[in-house]
Protein backbone atom coordinates (compact mmCIF):
# COMPACT_ATOMS: atom_id res chain seq x y z
CA UNK A 1 5.64 93.61 -4.71
CA UNK A 2 3.89 91.49 -7.39
CA UNK A 3 1.89 88.36 -6.62
CA UNK A 4 4.45 86.31 -8.62
CA UNK A 5 7.29 87.56 -6.38
CA UNK A 6 5.47 86.42 -3.22
CA UNK A 7 5.01 82.82 -4.32
CA UNK A 8 7.51 80.47 -2.81
CA UNK A 9 8.67 77.89 -5.40
CA UNK A 10 8.79 74.23 -4.50
CA UNK A 11 12.29 72.90 -5.28
CA UNK A 12 13.99 69.57 -4.80
CA UNK A 13 15.55 71.10 -1.63
CA UNK A 14 12.01 71.87 -0.33
CA UNK A 15 10.93 68.22 -0.91
CA UNK A 16 13.96 67.00 1.01
CA UNK A 17 13.07 69.33 3.88
CA UNK A 18 9.46 68.06 3.81
CA UNK A 19 10.75 64.50 4.24
CA UNK A 20 13.00 65.66 7.15
CA UNK A 21 10.01 67.30 8.81
CA UNK A 22 7.70 64.35 8.16
CA UNK A 23 5.42 66.52 6.02
CA UNK A 24 3.82 64.37 3.25
CA UNK A 25 4.39 65.41 -0.34
CA UNK A 26 1.28 65.85 -2.57
CA UNK A 27 1.84 65.12 -6.27
CA UNK A 28 -0.64 64.93 -9.21
CA UNK A 29 -0.28 64.68 -12.98
CA UNK A 30 -0.93 67.54 -15.32
CA UNK A 31 -0.93 67.84 -19.12
CA UNK A 32 -2.29 71.24 -19.98
CA UNK A 33 -2.15 74.92 -18.95
CA UNK A 34 -5.66 75.27 -17.58
CA UNK A 35 -5.60 72.28 -15.22
CA UNK A 36 -1.99 73.11 -14.16
CA UNK A 37 -3.14 76.57 -13.04
CA UNK A 38 -5.94 75.13 -10.97
CA UNK A 39 -3.85 72.47 -9.31
CA UNK A 40 -1.04 74.90 -8.61
CA UNK A 41 -3.37 77.48 -7.11
CA UNK A 42 -4.72 74.71 -4.82
CA UNK A 43 -1.18 74.25 -3.35
CA UNK A 44 0.00 71.04 -5.00
CA UNK A 45 3.67 70.41 -4.31
CA UNK A 46 4.67 68.53 -7.48
CA UNK A 47 3.10 68.32 -10.91
CA UNK A 48 4.14 65.30 -12.98
CA UNK A 49 3.80 65.64 -16.73
CA UNK A 50 3.34 61.90 -17.00
CA UNK A 51 3.67 59.62 -19.99
CA UNK A 52 0.25 58.52 -18.72
CA UNK A 53 -0.85 61.24 -21.18
CA UNK A 54 -0.51 58.42 -23.70
CA UNK A 55 -3.48 56.77 -22.05
CA UNK A 56 -5.67 59.53 -20.61
CA UNK A 57 -5.01 62.22 -23.27
CA UNK A 58 -4.30 60.26 -26.47
CA UNK A 59 -6.27 57.12 -25.72
CA UNK A 60 -3.51 54.62 -26.27
CA UNK A 61 -3.58 51.24 -24.52
CA UNK A 62 -0.04 51.70 -23.06
CA UNK A 63 2.38 54.56 -22.35
CA UNK A 64 4.80 53.41 -25.06
CA UNK A 65 3.50 55.37 -28.12
CA UNK A 66 3.92 58.90 -26.75
CA UNK A 67 6.90 60.72 -28.22
CA UNK A 68 9.50 63.12 -26.80
CA UNK A 69 8.12 65.95 -28.95
CA UNK A 70 4.64 65.35 -27.54
CA UNK A 71 5.98 65.25 -23.99
CA UNK A 72 7.80 68.59 -24.50
CA UNK A 73 4.57 70.17 -25.90
CA UNK A 74 2.54 69.05 -22.86
CA UNK A 75 5.28 70.05 -20.38
CA UNK A 76 5.53 73.52 -21.92
CA UNK A 77 1.77 73.97 -21.53
CA UNK A 78 1.97 72.93 -17.83
CA UNK A 79 4.95 75.12 -17.04
CA UNK A 80 3.18 78.22 -18.33
CA UNK A 81 0.34 77.52 -15.79
CA UNK A 82 2.56 77.09 -12.71
CA UNK A 83 3.85 79.63 -10.21
CA UNK A 84 4.64 77.35 -7.20
CA UNK A 85 4.79 73.62 -8.00
CA UNK A 86 7.89 71.66 -9.05
CA UNK A 87 7.24 70.38 -12.55
CA UNK A 88 8.70 66.93 -13.27
CA UNK A 89 8.49 65.40 -16.75
CA UNK A 90 8.62 61.70 -17.72
CA UNK A 91 11.23 60.77 -20.34
CA UNK A 92 9.12 58.67 -22.69
CA UNK A 93 9.88 55.15 -23.83
CA UNK A 94 12.79 54.95 -26.23
CA UNK A 95 14.30 58.33 -25.25
CA UNK A 96 16.82 57.05 -22.67
CA UNK A 97 17.00 53.21 -22.47
CA UNK A 98 20.20 51.64 -23.64
CA UNK A 99 21.87 54.84 -24.76
CA UNK A 100 23.13 57.38 -22.20
CA UNK A 101 23.98 59.94 -24.83
CA UNK A 102 20.44 59.84 -26.15
CA UNK A 103 19.15 60.04 -22.60
CA UNK A 104 21.11 63.25 -21.98
CA UNK A 105 19.97 64.76 -25.26
CA UNK A 106 16.38 63.93 -24.37
CA UNK A 107 16.61 65.44 -20.89
CA UNK A 108 18.30 68.60 -22.16
CA UNK A 109 15.56 69.08 -24.77
CA UNK A 110 12.88 68.76 -22.11
CA UNK A 111 14.62 71.31 -19.83
CA UNK A 112 15.44 73.82 -22.56
CA UNK A 113 12.28 73.59 -24.65
CA UNK A 114 9.67 73.20 -21.91
CA UNK A 115 11.16 75.05 -18.97
CA UNK A 116 10.44 72.12 -16.63
CA UNK A 117 12.39 71.61 -13.44
CA UNK A 118 13.29 67.86 -13.47
CA UNK A 119 12.86 64.63 -15.33
CA UNK A 120 11.75 61.15 -14.27
CA UNK A 121 13.06 57.83 -15.56
CA UNK A 122 11.75 54.25 -14.97
CA UNK A 123 14.22 51.59 -13.89
CA UNK A 124 17.15 50.79 -11.70
CA UNK A 125 20.66 49.41 -12.38
CA UNK A 126 19.96 48.94 -16.05
CA UNK A 127 19.60 52.71 -16.64
CA UNK A 128 22.27 53.80 -14.11
CA UNK A 129 24.56 55.12 -16.86
CA UNK A 130 21.73 57.20 -18.40
CA UNK A 131 20.87 58.69 -14.99
CA UNK A 132 24.50 59.49 -14.22
CA UNK A 133 24.96 61.27 -17.53
CA UNK A 134 21.83 63.33 -17.12
CA UNK A 135 22.84 64.30 -13.56
CA UNK A 136 26.32 65.26 -14.82
CA UNK A 137 24.62 68.04 -16.84
CA UNK A 138 22.94 69.43 -13.72
CA UNK A 139 19.45 68.10 -14.60
CA UNK A 140 17.56 66.85 -11.44
CA UNK A 141 16.37 63.24 -11.80
CA UNK A 142 13.53 61.42 -10.09
CA UNK A 143 13.59 57.67 -10.15
CA UNK A 144 10.75 55.21 -10.56
CA UNK A 145 10.69 51.60 -9.30
CA UNK A 146 8.14 48.84 -8.81
CA UNK A 147 5.55 48.69 -11.51
CA UNK A 148 7.19 50.46 -14.48
CA UNK A 149 4.53 50.84 -17.19
CA UNK A 150 7.07 51.39 -19.97
CA UNK A 151 8.13 47.74 -19.41
CA UNK A 152 4.62 46.32 -19.55
CA UNK A 153 5.46 43.95 -22.40
CA UNK A 154 8.43 42.61 -20.46
CA UNK A 155 6.31 41.85 -17.39
CA UNK A 156 3.13 41.09 -19.26
CA UNK A 157 0.88 42.34 -16.42
CA UNK A 158 0.00 45.36 -14.36
CA UNK A 159 -0.16 43.29 -11.16
CA UNK A 160 1.67 44.17 -7.89
CA UNK A 161 5.43 43.99 -8.21
CA UNK A 162 8.10 42.74 -5.70
CA UNK A 163 5.95 40.29 -3.74
CA UNK A 164 8.59 37.64 -4.25
CA UNK A 165 11.69 38.08 -2.09
CA UNK A 166 14.12 37.98 -4.99
CA UNK A 167 12.35 40.88 -6.77
CA UNK A 168 11.97 42.76 -3.47
CA UNK A 169 15.74 42.46 -2.91
CA UNK A 170 16.40 43.85 -6.40
CA UNK A 171 14.08 46.73 -5.67
CA UNK A 172 15.85 47.48 -2.43
CA UNK A 173 19.19 47.45 -4.17
CA UNK A 174 17.89 49.66 -7.01
CA UNK A 175 16.44 52.16 -4.58
CA UNK A 176 19.76 52.56 -2.76
CA UNK A 177 21.60 52.76 -6.12
CA UNK A 178 19.35 55.56 -7.39
CA UNK A 179 19.94 57.51 -4.19
CA UNK A 180 23.71 56.96 -4.49
CA UNK A 181 23.67 58.10 -8.09
CA UNK A 182 22.07 61.39 -7.03
CA UNK A 183 18.37 61.15 -7.70
CA UNK A 184 16.39 63.66 -5.60
CA UNK A 185 13.39 61.45 -5.12
CA UNK A 186 11.83 58.15 -6.05
CA UNK A 187 8.34 57.04 -7.14
CA UNK A 188 7.33 53.58 -5.82
CA UNK A 189 4.47 52.13 -7.85
CA UNK A 190 2.25 49.25 -6.88
CA UNK A 191 4.44 47.36 -4.44
CA UNK A 192 3.58 45.83 -1.08
CA UNK A 193 2.91 48.40 1.65
CA UNK A 194 5.53 46.95 4.08
CA UNK A 195 8.29 47.03 1.43
CA UNK A 196 7.44 50.66 0.55
CA UNK A 197 7.58 51.62 4.19
CA UNK A 198 10.94 49.87 4.65
CA UNK A 199 12.49 51.54 1.65
CA UNK A 200 11.08 54.98 2.64
CA UNK A 201 12.65 54.66 6.04
CA UNK A 202 15.96 53.46 4.70
CA UNK A 203 16.37 56.22 2.12
CA UNK A 204 17.45 59.81 2.83
CA UNK A 205 15.63 61.01 -0.34
CA UNK A 206 11.86 61.32 -0.38
CA UNK A 207 9.70 58.52 -1.78
CA UNK A 208 6.31 59.19 -3.52
CA UNK A 209 3.92 56.24 -3.69
CA UNK A 210 1.13 55.14 -5.98
CA UNK A 211 -0.48 51.93 -4.82
CA UNK A 212 2.31 51.58 -2.27
CA UNK A 213 0.51 52.32 1.01
CA UNK A 214 0.42 55.38 3.27
CA UNK A 215 3.94 55.18 4.76
CA UNK A 216 5.82 56.64 1.73
CA UNK A 217 6.86 60.31 1.99
CA UNK A 218 4.22 61.42 -0.41
CA UNK A 219 1.47 60.28 -2.82
CA UNK A 220 0.81 60.73 -6.52
CA UNK A 221 -2.34 60.00 -8.58
CA UNK A 222 -3.32 60.65 -12.17
CA UNK A 223 -5.50 63.69 -11.97
CA UNK A 224 -8.14 62.33 -14.29
CA UNK A 225 -8.51 59.34 -11.96
CA UNK A 226 -8.60 61.51 -8.79
CA UNK A 227 -11.34 63.78 -10.25
CA UNK A 228 -13.44 60.90 -11.53
CA UNK A 229 -13.02 61.71 -15.17
CA UNK A 230 -12.07 58.11 -15.88
CA UNK A 231 -14.61 55.38 -15.37
CA UNK A 232 -13.14 52.21 -16.89
CA UNK A 233 -9.96 52.06 -14.80
CA UNK A 234 -10.52 50.90 -11.26
CA UNK A 235 -7.44 49.69 -9.36
CA UNK A 236 -7.83 49.56 -5.62
CA UNK A 237 -5.28 52.38 -5.04
CA UNK A 238 -7.42 55.07 -6.69
CA UNK A 239 -9.56 57.37 -4.53
CA UNK A 240 -12.01 59.42 -6.59
CA UNK A 241 -12.68 62.76 -4.92
CA UNK A 242 -15.30 63.77 -7.47
CA UNK A 243 -17.50 62.15 -10.13
CA UNK A 244 -16.56 64.84 -12.60
CA UNK A 245 -17.38 62.71 -15.63
CA UNK A 246 -21.07 62.64 -14.53
CA UNK A 247 -20.97 66.47 -13.78
CA UNK A 248 -19.59 67.21 -17.26
CA UNK A 249 -22.06 64.89 -18.95
CA UNK A 250 -24.94 66.61 -17.10
CA UNK A 251 -23.70 70.06 -18.02
CA UNK A 252 -23.26 69.08 -21.64
CA UNK A 253 -26.75 67.68 -21.77
CA UNK A 254 -28.07 70.96 -20.39
CA UNK A 255 -26.09 72.97 -22.91
CA UNK A 256 -27.46 70.80 -25.76
CA UNK A 257 -31.05 71.27 -24.47
CA UNK A 258 -30.61 75.07 -24.31
CA UNK A 259 -29.20 75.21 -27.83
CA UNK A 260 -31.99 73.02 -29.20
CA UNK A 261 -34.64 75.21 -27.52
CA UNK A 262 -32.89 78.47 -28.53
CA UNK A 263 -32.72 79.60 -24.90
CA UNK A 264 -28.94 79.92 -25.26
CA UNK A 265 -27.79 82.55 -25.89
CA UNK A 266 -30.42 84.79 -24.30
CA UNK A 267 -30.63 88.66 -24.49
CA UNK A 268 -27.97 89.23 -21.81
CA UNK A 269 -25.63 86.90 -23.67
CA UNK A 270 -26.12 88.68 -27.02
CA UNK A 271 -24.73 91.98 -28.38
CA UNK A 272 -26.67 94.89 -29.83
């Protein structure tokens, strides 16, 4: 039996079982083949091809500029590096809001052209029609509530959402609606810990938090933040497990020194 045949794929059903068994879900972002292979081999449950690539890959100030074609390219790269993890892809800004037919077309393109396993959309009642239409085609959908970066110009700030009771009530209502529509899971971003705990307990589907406290059914971080590749983004919810930026800078400096001194390549690294 091949190694590939022995690998048990993570599916939406597996995530639901993990919630039932109170086993936290580990989720990270990925944007390329090489990193996806490493994260998958480490045992990550879900890889999110996030529109955060607009920030950490392309250097844009917001997530808005990234296109559907670019998301498909990134997702295709990630899928080729994965044997186990569930690959979820963000539908980018402008590919689903206000037009459910466009939303379905966008989701189908992602699934067909990248080979990904699910899509993620930001928003609640205002995108219910788009979610329903995508689900009607058999495409698994993950919801996203709380801080929704694609709406940054509407909110005008990246501060914590749903601290006021009226907004918290809307979030509760949207969470239940997304579950009723058929979403298999829900990302809760940057909301009060108590509210995230309440919603996670009320829902049957799993929740994955980012800046939402430890009581959600799982956690997600941007991999570049988790590895310490970013230095100028420091919200309190990030835990950096490495200072990889400094490691890479140091290795690069050593490489430059060896090239300058002609000690790289040496005899063993050269051909006769």
